[in-house]
Protein backbone atom coordinates (compact mmCIF):
# COMPACT_ATOMS: atom_id res chain seq x y z
CA MET A 1 0.01 -0.02 0.00
CA SER A 2 1.44 3.40 -0.98
CA ALA A 3 2.06 5.94 1.76
CA SER A 4 -0.38 8.79 2.39
CA LEU A 5 -1.20 11.43 4.91
CA THR A 6 -4.72 12.80 5.51
CA CYS A 7 -6.13 15.45 7.81
CA THR A 8 -9.90 15.55 8.41
CA SER A 9 -11.73 18.51 10.02
CA LEU A 10 -8.44 19.52 11.68
CA SER A 11 -8.71 22.35 14.23
CA PHE A 12 -6.02 23.95 16.33
CA ALA A 13 -5.64 27.10 18.37
CA TRP A 14 -2.88 28.52 20.55
CA PRO A 15 -3.37 28.70 24.36
CA ASP A 16 -4.40 32.38 24.08
CA GLY A 17 -7.31 31.31 21.87
CA THR A 18 -5.86 32.44 18.57
CA ALA A 19 -7.24 30.01 15.89
CA VAL A 20 -4.76 28.57 13.39
CA PHE A 21 -6.99 25.99 11.69
CA ASP A 22 -10.68 25.41 11.88
CA GLY A 23 -11.95 22.32 10.12
CA LEU A 24 -9.03 21.94 7.71
CA ASP A 25 -9.22 18.98 5.25
CA ILE A 26 -6.04 18.11 3.39
CA ALA A 27 -4.43 14.98 1.96
CA PHE A 28 -0.91 14.28 0.73
CA GLY A 29 -0.23 11.35 -1.57
CA PRO A 30 2.98 10.09 -3.16
CA GLY A 31 5.15 12.78 -4.67
CA ARG A 32 6.82 15.97 -3.50
CA THR A 33 4.66 18.83 -2.17
CA GLY A 34 5.90 22.35 -1.39
CA LEU A 35 3.92 23.97 1.41
CA VAL A 36 4.11 27.74 1.05
CA GLY A 37 2.49 30.75 2.74
CA VAL A 38 3.38 34.00 4.42
CA ASN A 39 5.06 34.11 7.89
CA GLY A 40 2.48 33.26 10.51
CA SER A 41 0.13 31.37 8.19
CA GLY A 42 0.73 28.14 10.14
CA LYS A 43 3.05 26.11 7.88
CA SER A 44 5.38 24.91 10.65
CA THR A 45 2.35 24.33 12.95
CA LEU A 46 0.73 22.13 10.30
CA LEU A 47 3.89 20.05 9.94
CA LYS A 48 4.05 19.59 13.69
CA LEU A 49 0.44 18.48 13.70
CA LEU A 50 1.16 16.03 10.87
CA ALA A 51 4.25 14.72 12.71
CA GLY A 52 2.35 14.30 15.98
CA GLU A 53 4.45 16.93 17.73
CA LEU A 54 1.26 18.85 18.42
CA VAL A 55 -2.25 17.56 19.28
CA PRO A 56 -5.19 19.03 17.32
CA ALA A 57 -8.13 20.45 19.30
CA ASP A 58 -10.45 18.57 16.95
CA GLY A 59 -10.21 16.41 13.88
CA THR A 60 -7.83 13.63 12.93
CA VAL A 61 -4.47 13.05 11.27
CA LYS A 62 -4.21 9.60 9.60
CA ALA A 63 -0.92 8.32 8.17
CA THR A 64 -0.43 5.25 6.00
CA GLY A 65 3.29 4.61 6.52
CA GLU A 66 5.93 5.75 8.98
CA ILE A 67 6.53 9.51 9.32
CA GLY A 68 10.01 11.06 9.36
CA TYR A 69 10.12 14.74 10.53
CA LEU A 70 12.97 17.20 10.22
CA PRO A 71 12.14 20.31 12.33
CA GLN A 72 13.30 23.81 11.56
CA SER A 73 15.64 23.95 14.53
CA VAL A 74 17.85 20.88 14.73
CA THR A 75 19.67 20.26 18.00
CA LEU A 76 21.71 17.16 18.64
CA ASP A 77 23.46 16.13 21.81
CA THR A 78 27.07 17.02 21.22
CA ALA A 79 28.28 13.97 23.20
CA LEU A 80 26.52 11.50 20.84
CA ARG A 81 28.55 9.49 18.37
CA VAL A 82 27.51 9.71 14.74
CA ASP A 83 26.12 6.13 14.79
CA GLN A 84 23.94 7.07 17.79
CA ALA A 85 22.70 10.21 16.00
CA LEU A 86 21.85 8.01 13.04
CA GLY A 87 19.93 5.59 15.30
CA ILE A 88 22.01 2.56 14.32
CA ALA A 89 24.33 2.22 17.32
CA GLU A 90 22.56 -0.85 18.81
CA ARG A 91 22.31 -2.71 15.50
CA ARG A 92 25.91 -1.87 14.70
CA ALA A 93 27.10 -3.11 18.12
CA ALA A 94 25.12 -6.34 17.74
CA LEU A 95 26.57 -6.87 14.27
CA HIS A 96 30.11 -6.39 15.55
CA ALA A 97 29.42 -8.83 18.44
CA ILE A 98 28.18 -11.51 15.94
CA GLU A 99 31.21 -10.96 13.74
CA ALA A 100 33.43 -11.39 16.84
CA GLY A 101 31.82 -14.80 17.49
CA ASP A 102 29.08 -13.94 20.03
CA VAL A 103 26.06 -15.74 18.68
CA SER A 104 23.59 -14.72 21.42
CA GLU A 105 20.01 -14.71 20.14
CA GLU A 106 19.45 -11.12 21.36
CA HIS A 107 22.12 -9.88 18.89
CA PHE A 108 20.30 -11.56 15.95
CA GLU A 109 16.99 -10.05 17.16
CA THR A 110 18.60 -6.61 17.33
CA VAL A 111 20.08 -6.85 13.80
CA GLY A 112 16.93 -8.34 12.29
CA ASP A 113 17.22 -8.20 8.48
CA ASP A 114 19.42 -5.13 8.54
CA TRP A 115 22.76 -6.84 7.97
CA ASP A 116 24.07 -4.08 5.70
CA VAL A 117 23.21 -1.26 8.14
CA GLU A 118 26.86 0.02 8.24
CA GLU A 119 27.21 0.03 4.47
CA ARG A 120 23.86 1.80 4.07
CA ALA A 121 24.85 4.37 6.69
CA LEU A 122 28.17 5.15 5.07
CA ALA A 123 26.54 5.32 1.60
CA THR A 124 23.89 7.72 2.89
CA LEU A 125 26.46 9.90 4.57
CA GLY A 126 28.45 9.95 1.31
CA GLU A 127 25.34 10.95 -0.72
CA LEU A 128 24.81 13.89 1.59
CA GLY A 129 28.47 15.04 1.46
CA LEU A 130 29.23 13.63 4.92
CA GLY A 131 31.52 10.84 3.79
CA HIS A 132 34.35 12.34 5.85
CA LEU A 133 32.47 11.64 9.06
CA GLY A 134 33.29 8.36 10.71
CA LEU A 135 30.53 6.50 12.57
CA ASP A 136 32.57 6.73 15.77
CA ARG A 137 33.08 10.47 15.60
CA THR A 138 31.15 12.63 18.10
CA VAL A 139 28.43 15.04 17.00
CA GLY A 140 30.12 17.94 18.85
CA GLU A 141 32.72 18.03 16.09
CA VAL A 142 30.33 18.68 13.20
CA SER A 143 29.06 22.09 11.96
CA GLY A 144 25.48 23.36 12.19
CA GLY A 145 24.88 22.51 8.52
CA GLU A 146 26.31 19.02 8.96
CA SER A 147 24.00 18.52 11.96
CA VAL A 148 21.01 19.15 9.69
CA LEU A 149 22.32 16.70 7.08
CA LEU A 150 23.12 14.17 9.81
CA ARG A 151 19.50 14.38 11.09
CA LEU A 152 18.29 13.96 7.51
CA ALA A 153 20.58 10.93 7.04
CA ALA A 154 19.05 9.34 10.15
CA LEU A 155 15.57 9.82 8.62
CA LEU A 156 16.66 8.38 5.24
CA LEU A 157 18.13 5.29 6.98
CA ARG A 158 14.77 4.63 8.65
CA ARG A 159 13.18 4.62 5.17
CA PRO A 160 9.90 6.22 6.30
CA GLY A 161 7.11 6.33 3.74
CA ILE A 162 6.43 10.01 4.62
CA LEU A 163 9.07 12.72 5.01
CA LEU A 164 8.23 16.18 6.45
CA LEU A 165 10.96 18.85 6.08
CA ASP A 166 10.67 22.32 7.74
CA GLU A 167 13.07 24.87 6.24
CA PRO A 168 15.79 22.20 5.74
CA THR A 169 18.26 24.43 3.89
CA ASN A 170 18.43 27.30 6.42
CA SER A 171 21.81 26.34 7.86
CA LEU A 172 23.23 24.75 4.71
CA ASP A 173 25.95 26.19 2.46
CA LEU A 174 25.63 26.14 -1.31
CA TYR A 175 27.19 22.69 -1.61
CA ALA A 176 25.23 21.09 1.16
CA ARG A 177 22.05 22.54 -0.32
CA ARG A 178 22.74 20.79 -3.57
CA ARG A 179 23.20 17.51 -1.68
CA LEU A 180 19.80 17.97 -0.04
CA HIS A 181 18.27 18.92 -3.39
CA GLN A 182 19.54 15.60 -4.78
CA ALA A 183 18.05 13.68 -1.85
CA VAL A 184 14.68 15.40 -2.37
CA THR A 185 14.72 14.63 -6.09
CA ALA A 186 15.38 10.95 -5.41
CA TRP A 187 12.72 10.60 -2.66
CA PRO A 188 10.28 7.84 -3.65
CA GLY A 189 7.48 8.36 -1.14
CA VAL A 190 5.37 11.21 0.27
CA LEU A 191 7.37 14.39 0.90
CA VAL A 192 6.09 17.67 2.25
CA VAL A 193 8.59 20.53 2.48
CA VAL A 194 8.27 24.01 3.93
CA SER A 195 10.98 26.26 2.49
CA HIS A 196 11.90 29.68 1.15
CA ASP A 197 14.61 28.03 -1.00
CA ARG A 198 13.40 28.70 -4.51
CA GLU A 199 15.68 26.05 -6.01
CA LEU A 200 14.33 23.43 -3.63
CA LEU A 201 10.71 24.42 -4.33
CA ASP A 202 11.35 24.13 -8.05
CA LEU A 203 11.97 20.38 -7.49
CA VAL A 204 8.51 19.63 -6.16
CA ASP A 205 5.56 18.23 -8.06
CA GLN A 206 2.90 20.44 -6.59
CA ILE A 207 2.42 23.50 -4.38
CA ALA A 208 0.00 23.71 -1.45
CA ASP A 209 -0.61 27.40 -0.70
CA LEU A 210 -1.69 27.88 2.92
CA ARG A 211 -3.60 31.11 3.43
CA ALA A 212 -6.13 32.13 6.09
CA GLY A 213 -6.38 28.55 7.39
CA GLU A 214 -7.17 27.04 3.97
CA VAL A 215 -5.05 25.32 1.32
CA THR A 216 -5.19 25.98 -2.43
CA TRP A 217 -3.46 23.45 -4.68
CA TYR A 218 -1.36 24.26 -7.73
CA GLY A 219 0.12 21.62 -10.01
CA GLY A 220 3.82 21.94 -10.90
CA ASN A 221 6.77 23.51 -9.16
CA PHE A 222 7.17 26.95 -7.58
CA SER A 223 7.90 28.72 -10.89
CA ALA A 224 4.67 27.23 -12.32
CA TYR A 225 2.86 28.30 -9.16
CA GLU A 226 4.08 31.88 -9.54
CA GLU A 227 2.94 31.97 -13.16
CA ALA A 228 -0.47 30.59 -12.26
CA LEU A 229 -0.78 33.02 -9.37
CA ALA A 230 0.14 35.94 -11.65
CA VAL A 231 -2.62 34.91 -14.07
CA GLU A 232 -5.05 34.54 -11.21
CA GLN A 233 -4.21 37.92 -9.74
CA GLU A 234 -4.45 39.64 -13.12
CA ALA A 235 -7.91 38.12 -13.56
CA ALA A 236 -8.88 39.10 -10.00
CA GLU A 237 -7.72 42.67 -10.49
CA ARG A 238 -9.65 42.82 -13.74
CA MET A 239 -12.77 41.58 -11.92
CA VAL A 240 -12.24 44.37 -9.35
CA ARG A 241 -12.18 46.97 -12.10
CA VAL A 242 -15.33 45.50 -13.67
CA ALA A 243 -17.11 45.35 -10.26
CA GLU A 244 -16.07 48.97 -9.49
CA ALA A 245 -17.48 50.12 -12.85
CA ASP A 246 -20.75 48.20 -12.09
CA VAL A 247 -21.01 49.90 -8.65
CA ARG A 248 -20.57 53.33 -10.30
CA LYS A 249 -23.24 52.46 -12.87
CA GLN A 250 -25.67 51.23 -10.18
CA LYS A 251 -25.06 54.44 -8.20
CA ARG A 252 -25.91 56.53 -11.20
CA GLU A 253 -29.06 54.54 -12.00
CA LEU A 254 -30.17 54.79 -8.36
CA ALA A 255 -29.58 58.55 -8.46
CA ASP A 256 -31.59 58.72 -11.71
CA ALA A 257 -34.42 56.64 -10.08
CA ARG A 258 -34.52 59.03 -7.08
CA THR A 259 -34.66 62.04 -9.40
CA LYS A 260 -37.52 60.54 -11.39
CA LEU A 261 -39.38 59.77 -8.13
CA ALA A 262 -38.96 63.35 -6.98
CA ARG A 263 -40.22 64.65 -10.37
CA ARG A 264 -43.27 62.42 -10.26
CA LYS A 265 -44.02 63.53 -6.72
CA ARG A 266 -43.83 67.20 -7.77
CA TYR A 267 -45.99 66.55 -10.91
CA GLY A 268 -48.58 64.60 -8.92
CA GLN A 269 -48.73 67.35 -6.29
CA LYS A 270 -49.09 69.98 -9.01
CA MET A 271 -51.99 68.10 -10.65
CA TYR A 272 -53.63 67.58 -7.23
CA ASP A 273 -53.31 71.25 -6.40
CA SER A 274 -54.86 72.28 -9.76
CA LYS A 275 -57.77 69.86 -9.26
CA ARG A 276 -58.07 69.27 -12.99
CA GLU A 277 -59.51 65.78 -12.38
CA PRO A 278 -61.70 64.31 -9.64
CA LYS A 279 -59.98 63.97 -6.31
CA ILE A 280 -60.35 60.19 -6.17
CA VAL A 281 -58.82 59.76 -9.64
CA MET A 282 -55.86 62.02 -8.81
CA GLY A 283 -55.23 60.21 -5.53
CA ALA A 284 -55.21 56.82 -7.27
CA ARG A 285 -52.78 58.11 -9.91
CA LYS A 286 -50.53 59.64 -7.22
CA ARG A 287 -50.42 56.34 -5.30
CA ALA A 288 -49.74 54.37 -8.47
CA ALA A 289 -46.94 56.71 -9.49
CA GLN A 290 -45.38 56.55 -5.99
CA GLU A 291 -45.63 52.72 -5.93
CA SER A 292 -44.07 52.44 -9.39
CA ALA A 293 -41.22 54.89 -8.58
CA GLY A 294 -40.76 53.22 -5.18
CA LYS A 295 -40.38 49.78 -6.83
CA HIS A 296 -37.97 51.25 -9.34
CA ARG A 297 -35.88 52.75 -6.53
CA ILE A 298 -35.87 49.51 -4.49
CA LEU A 299 -34.84 47.59 -7.61
CA HIS A 300 -31.85 49.91 -8.10
CA GLU A 301 -30.95 49.80 -4.40
CA GLU A 302 -30.89 45.99 -4.56
CA ARG A 303 -28.79 46.09 -7.70
CA LEU A 304 -26.35 48.46 -6.02
CA ALA A 305 -26.13 46.19 -2.97
CA GLU A 306 -25.46 43.21 -5.21
CA ALA A 307 -22.80 45.16 -7.15
CA ARG A 308 -21.08 46.10 -3.87
CA GLU A 309 -21.16 42.46 -2.77
CA ARG A 310 -19.56 41.39 -6.06
CA LEU A 311 -16.90 44.10 -5.58
CA ASP A 312 -16.17 42.85 -2.02
CA GLU A 313 -15.75 39.30 -3.35
CA ALA A 314 -13.49 40.53 -6.17
CA VAL A 315 -11.33 42.54 -3.73
CA GLU A 316 -10.98 39.51 -1.43
CA ALA A 317 -9.63 37.49 -4.36
CA VAL A 318 -6.79 39.99 -4.82
CA ARG A 319 -3.86 39.30 -2.54
CA ASP A 320 -2.90 42.10 -0.29
CA ASP A 321 0.75 41.11 0.20
CA ASP A 322 2.19 44.55 0.74
CA GLU A 323 5.31 45.65 -1.10
CA ILE A 324 8.12 47.82 0.24
CA ARG A 325 8.45 51.02 -1.75
CA VAL A 326 11.18 53.30 -0.53
CA GLU A 327 13.39 55.99 -1.94
CA LEU A 328 17.01 56.09 -0.64
CA PRO A 329 18.75 58.76 -2.68
CA TYR A 330 21.31 59.55 -0.01
CA THR A 331 22.72 56.03 -0.30
CA ALA A 332 23.89 56.66 -3.85
CA VAL A 333 27.54 56.07 -4.71
CA PRO A 334 28.94 57.50 -8.00
CA PRO A 335 30.40 54.93 -10.47
CA GLY A 336 34.12 54.50 -9.87
CA ARG A 337 34.21 55.98 -6.40
CA GLN A 338 36.33 54.07 -3.97
CA VAL A 339 34.13 52.46 -1.33
CA LEU A 340 36.22 49.84 0.42
CA THR A 341 39.90 48.70 0.31
CA LEU A 342 41.28 45.51 1.78
CA GLU A 343 45.07 45.25 1.75
CA ASN A 344 46.91 42.02 2.61
CA LEU A 345 44.15 41.29 5.11
CA GLU A 346 44.23 38.30 7.42
CA THR A 347 41.23 37.80 9.71
CA ALA A 348 41.10 36.41 13.21
CA CYS A 349 40.17 32.95 11.77
CA HIS A 350 43.25 33.16 9.51
CA THR A 351 41.49 33.57 6.18
CA ARG A 352 43.44 35.80 3.82
CA VAL A 353 42.68 38.42 1.18
CA PRO A 354 46.00 38.60 -0.60
CA GLY A 355 47.14 41.84 -2.23
CA ILE A 356 44.66 44.74 -2.64
CA LEU A 357 40.94 44.20 -3.07
CA ASP A 358 39.02 47.34 -4.03
CA LEU A 359 35.27 47.82 -4.09
CA ARG A 360 34.24 50.77 -6.21
CA GLY A 361 30.97 52.55 -7.00
CA PRO A 362 27.62 50.84 -6.50
CA GLU A 363 29.07 47.37 -6.98
CA ARG A 364 27.06 44.41 -5.72
CA ILE A 365 29.34 41.68 -4.51
CA ALA A 366 28.35 38.15 -3.49
CA LEU A 367 30.53 36.39 -0.87
CA VAL A 368 30.11 32.63 -1.19
CA GLY A 369 31.81 29.54 0.25
CA ARG A 370 31.23 26.57 2.55
CA ASN A 371 29.95 26.88 6.03
CA GLY A 372 32.85 27.64 8.37
CA ALA A 373 35.00 29.12 5.58
CA GLY A 374 35.17 32.47 7.34
CA LYS A 375 32.63 34.64 5.51
CA THR A 376 30.98 35.97 8.69
CA THR A 377 34.37 36.72 10.24
CA LEU A 378 35.39 38.70 7.18
CA LEU A 379 32.18 40.74 7.27
CA ARG A 380 32.59 41.40 10.96
CA THR A 381 36.22 42.49 10.35
CA ILE A 382 35.12 44.87 7.58
CA ALA A 383 32.38 46.24 9.92
CA GLY A 384 34.97 46.91 12.61
CA GLN A 385 33.59 44.38 15.08
CA LEU A 386 36.73 42.28 14.93
CA ALA A 387 40.34 43.43 14.63
CA PRO A 388 42.34 42.03 11.69
CA ALA A 389 45.17 39.66 12.52
CA ALA A 390 47.19 41.40 9.82
CA GLY A 391 46.72 43.92 7.01
CA THR A 392 44.19 46.76 6.81
CA VAL A 393 40.52 47.45 6.16
CA THR A 394 39.67 50.97 4.90
CA ALA A 395 36.04 52.00 4.46
CA HIS A 396 35.82 55.21 2.40
CA VAL A 397 32.04 55.71 2.91
CA PRO A 398 29.54 55.19 5.81
CA LEU A 399 28.74 51.45 6.19
CA ARG A 400 26.25 49.31 8.09
CA PHE A 401 26.27 45.57 8.89
CA LEU A 402 23.17 43.39 9.28
CA PRO A 403 24.25 40.12 11.02
CA GLN A 404 22.45 36.80 10.85
CA ARG A 405 21.23 37.17 14.44
CA LEU A 406 19.60 40.56 13.74
CA ASP A 407 20.93 41.79 17.08
CA VAL A 408 21.09 45.38 15.90
CA LEU A 409 17.65 45.81 17.48
CA ASP A 410 16.99 46.51 21.13
CA ASP A 411 14.13 44.14 22.04
CA GLY A 412 12.80 46.46 24.75
CA LEU A 413 12.34 49.38 22.37
CA SER A 414 9.62 49.90 19.74
CA VAL A 415 10.36 49.72 16.02
CA ALA A 416 10.23 53.51 15.77
CA GLU A 417 12.53 53.94 18.82
CA ASN A 418 15.00 51.48 17.29
CA VAL A 419 15.16 53.49 14.04
CA ALA A 420 15.57 56.73 16.08
CA ARG A 421 18.69 55.21 17.63
CA PHE A 422 20.28 55.12 14.17
CA ALA A 423 18.90 58.50 13.11
CA PRO A 424 18.94 60.65 16.30
CA ASP A 425 18.42 63.91 14.41
CA ALA A 426 15.33 62.81 12.52
CA THR A 427 11.93 63.97 13.78
CA ASN A 428 9.40 61.44 14.99
CA ASN A 429 7.06 62.32 12.07
CA ARG A 430 9.83 61.75 9.56
CA ILE A 431 10.75 58.41 11.10
CA ARG A 432 7.15 57.20 11.05
CA ALA A 433 6.55 58.43 7.47
CA ARG A 434 9.61 56.48 6.32
CA LEU A 435 8.76 53.44 8.42
CA ALA A 436 5.36 53.27 6.70
CA ARG A 437 7.21 52.50 3.48
CA PHE A 438 8.67 49.51 5.23
CA LEU A 439 5.09 48.41 6.15
CA PHE A 440 5.20 49.61 9.78
CA ARG A 441 2.20 51.88 9.68
CA GLY A 442 0.47 53.51 12.67
CA ALA A 443 0.46 51.33 15.74
CA ARG A 444 2.77 48.75 14.12
CA ALA A 445 5.62 51.22 14.46
CA ASP A 446 5.01 51.17 18.23
CA GLN A 447 5.39 47.38 18.54
CA GLU A 448 8.31 46.25 20.72
CA ALA A 449 11.02 44.63 18.71
CA GLY A 450 10.95 41.60 21.00
CA THR A 451 7.36 40.81 19.95
CA LEU A 452 7.97 40.83 16.20
CA SER A 453 7.82 37.75 13.97
CA GLY A 454 10.91 36.62 12.10
CA GLY A 455 9.96 38.45 8.89
CA GLU A 456 8.86 41.58 10.75
CA ARG A 457 12.10 41.60 12.79
CA PHE A 458 14.20 41.36 9.66
CA ARG A 459 12.20 44.19 8.07
CA ALA A 460 12.65 46.40 11.19
CA ALA A 461 16.38 45.71 11.29
CA LEU A 462 16.72 46.49 7.59
CA ALA A 463 14.70 49.69 8.04
CA ALA A 464 16.90 50.75 10.99
CA LEU A 465 20.07 50.38 8.85
CA LEU A 466 18.77 51.82 5.61
CA LEU A 467 17.18 54.82 7.28
CA ALA A 468 20.26 55.53 9.39
CA GLU A 469 21.99 58.90 9.30
CA PRO A 470 24.43 59.32 7.71
CA ALA A 471 22.96 57.11 5.03
CA PRO A 472 24.96 53.90 4.55
CA GLN A 473 26.71 53.83 1.16
CA LEU A 474 28.02 50.33 1.87
CA LEU A 475 25.74 47.65 3.19
CA LEU A 476 26.99 44.34 4.54
CA LEU A 477 24.48 41.46 4.80
CA ASP A 478 25.09 38.07 6.33
CA GLU A 479 22.75 35.29 5.16
CA PRO A 480 19.78 37.72 4.90
CA THR A 481 17.22 35.23 3.59
CA ASN A 482 17.61 32.71 6.42
CA ASN A 483 14.21 32.11 8.13
CA LEU A 484 12.39 34.49 5.74
CA ASP A 485 9.29 33.35 3.85
CA MET A 486 8.96 33.99 0.14
CA ALA A 487 6.93 37.19 0.68
CA SER A 488 9.65 38.58 2.99
CA VAL A 489 12.41 37.66 0.51
CA ARG A 490 10.44 39.59 -2.14
CA GLN A 491 10.20 42.55 0.23
CA LEU A 492 13.97 42.40 0.89
CA THR A 493 14.64 42.32 -2.87
CA GLN A 494 12.36 45.35 -3.35
CA ALA A 495 14.16 47.31 -0.64
CA LEU A 496 17.57 46.48 -2.16
CA GLU A 497 16.32 47.60 -5.57
CA SER A 498 15.85 51.05 -4.04
CA TYR A 499 19.26 50.96 -2.35
CA GLU A 500 21.74 52.90 -4.50
CA GLY A 501 24.92 52.14 -2.56
CA ALA A 502 27.49 49.31 -2.65
CA LEU A 503 26.45 45.87 -1.38
CA LEU A 504 28.49 43.01 -0.02
CA VAL A 505 26.31 40.03 0.86
CA ALA A 506 27.23 36.56 2.13
CA ALA A 507 24.60 34.01 1.10
CA HIS A 508 24.06 30.49 -0.20
CA ASP A 509 20.80 31.36 -1.95
CA LEU A 510 21.82 31.68 -5.65
CA PRO A 511 18.36 32.78 -6.95
CA PHE A 512 18.23 35.55 -4.38
CA LEU A 513 21.80 36.69 -5.24
CA GLU A 514 20.90 36.77 -8.92
CA SER A 515 17.68 38.72 -8.16
CA VAL A 516 19.51 41.55 -6.44
CA GLY A 517 21.81 42.14 -9.41
CA ILE A 518 25.18 40.82 -8.20
CA THR A 519 28.04 42.22 -10.33
CA ARG A 520 31.02 40.38 -8.77
CA TRP A 521 31.41 37.03 -7.06
CA LEU A 522 34.04 36.27 -4.38
CA LEU A 523 34.71 32.73 -3.18
CA MET A 524 36.10 32.07 0.31
CA GLU A 525 37.82 28.69 0.07
CA GLY A 526 40.95 27.08 1.47
CA GLY A 527 41.64 30.12 3.67
CA GLU A 528 41.74 32.64 0.78
CA LEU A 529 39.37 34.95 -0.97
CA THR A 530 39.39 34.73 -4.80
CA GLU A 531 37.24 36.05 -7.71
CA THR A 532 34.84 33.52 -9.19
CA THR A 533 31.63 33.22 -11.24
CA PRO A 534 28.33 31.44 -10.57
CA GLU A 535 29.19 28.89 -13.29
CA ALA A 536 32.61 28.19 -11.70
CA LEU A 537 31.01 27.20 -8.43
CA GLY A 538 29.98 23.97 -10.14
CA GLU A 539 28.62 20.87 -8.48
CA PRO A 540 29.65 19.68 -4.98
CA ALA A 541 32.80 17.64 -4.82
C-alpha cells in the first residue's frame, strides 16, 4: 500500500485562543509537495500536527506509513557518536558482536534483516556530502549545517514512507544545499517541504498554498505556481475593475431613479393642487406613481447592494501582500568612487585576502563559500567588530552591517525607537513616514522589537540600517534570507532595488543573489578569498 497522509476536520488554536486551523481537510499522496504561505500562516504548525508533535483540538491526522520529521531547529546532543545520532548504534554493536563470534540470540533479534546497516549508513552519509564523518566520531565536532544533514541521514536510513521537512536548507551552504536537493529529487514516497529556498521548491511536483487557514493546490513546481498566481491575480484585479465600474453604474441609476421619483411627486402634487380631475382619480394616480417609482428605486438599491457584494468578493480574491516602496537617494555612490579597500588582510580565523581588493561605485558583490569558511568573520572584520590579525581594512564611505542574528535591534524598544537610535536627528514624524514605506504603519511602528515575527524583525532591522543617518553607502548582509518566507524575500529584494549604494552580501541562496543584481562574485575557500563566477561554483565535490 502506498504511503499517504490525511487530515480531516483539523482544528487547532494557541493557548491564548488564537485560531490557526478550523476544520481543515487536506491530503498528501505520493510525490513531492511544497507547502508555502506568508510568515504566521501556520506552515510549521501544520507540519508539527502532521508529525504528531502537536495535538489538534479537533479532527484527525491519519498516516499510512511511517513519518519522518525534520524540524526547523535541529539540536543534537554534542556527546553523541555519529552512529547514535543515526539511530543505528545498537544494530551496529550487535553486528560487531556476531562478527566477533558472540552468537547470542538477542544480537540476531537486534540486527533483524538489517545486515548491511553500516554500508547503508556510510553510503547515505556519502550521498549527503558527509563521507568524511566516521561513525565513531562525536556530533560535537560537526558544523550546524552538517547537523541538519546528519539528522536527515538518520531519517533516510529509517526509510519512512512519509518525510516532512521544515526549512531544511536554512543552515546549509551552497554545496550542502545541492546534496539535499539531490536527496529530495530521489525521494520515492510522500514528501512535504516548507521552505523559502526557491531552487528546492522548483523540485516539487505540486504546491500547497496555505492562506487564512485554507489550502489551495497548484500543479507543478514553484515557478509554475508563480505563473499561475500571476494569471489569477491579473484576472482578480480585472474583476475588481469590472465590479467597481458596475458599482458606479448602479449608483448613477439609483440617483436617476430618485430624481424621477422626486419629479413624479412634484408633478402629482401639481396636478392635485390644480384639481383638473376628480380627487379620487388624482389620488389613485398619485399612489400608483409613487408605488411604481418606489419599486424602481428599491430595484436599483438591490442592484447596487449586489454590485457592492460582487466588488467585495473581487477585492478579497486580490492578494494584499504589501510591497516595500522606498526611496533612498542619500545612499547613492557615483560609479568609480572608492568604497572599500582590503590590503593584505588576514582575519582572526586566519582567512586571507592577498594583495589589494578594491570595491568601487555601486558594486554588488556576493561572498560565497562553505559553512565555516570564514565569511561571517570577514564581514565582521570589515564592519569593525573584529580586529584584523594582519593587513588593513579601509572603508571610504559610511557602512552598516546586518548580522544573521539581527541583534542590531533593542528588544525592549519599539520599532520607531530602534530606528531613532540610528537617526537621532530625525523627527518622529519623519521616522514614522519612512517606516510606513517598510510596512510599519500607525500602531505597528510602536510594537516592541521583542514581539515581532521573524519576517517583521528582519524588516525592522533593515529599516533601521537603511534609514540611518548618515545614510549607509556600503551595506554588509550576512545570510539575509535565512528564516524568511517567500513574501519577505520579495520585500527584501524590493528594498535592495531602491538601495543605491554598494552591497556586500554573504549568502548561499543563488536565486536571491541573482535577483539583487550581483556584479562580482568572491569565493572564500581554502583560507583565501578569490574572484569567481556562478558557473565556476559547479557541483559539490
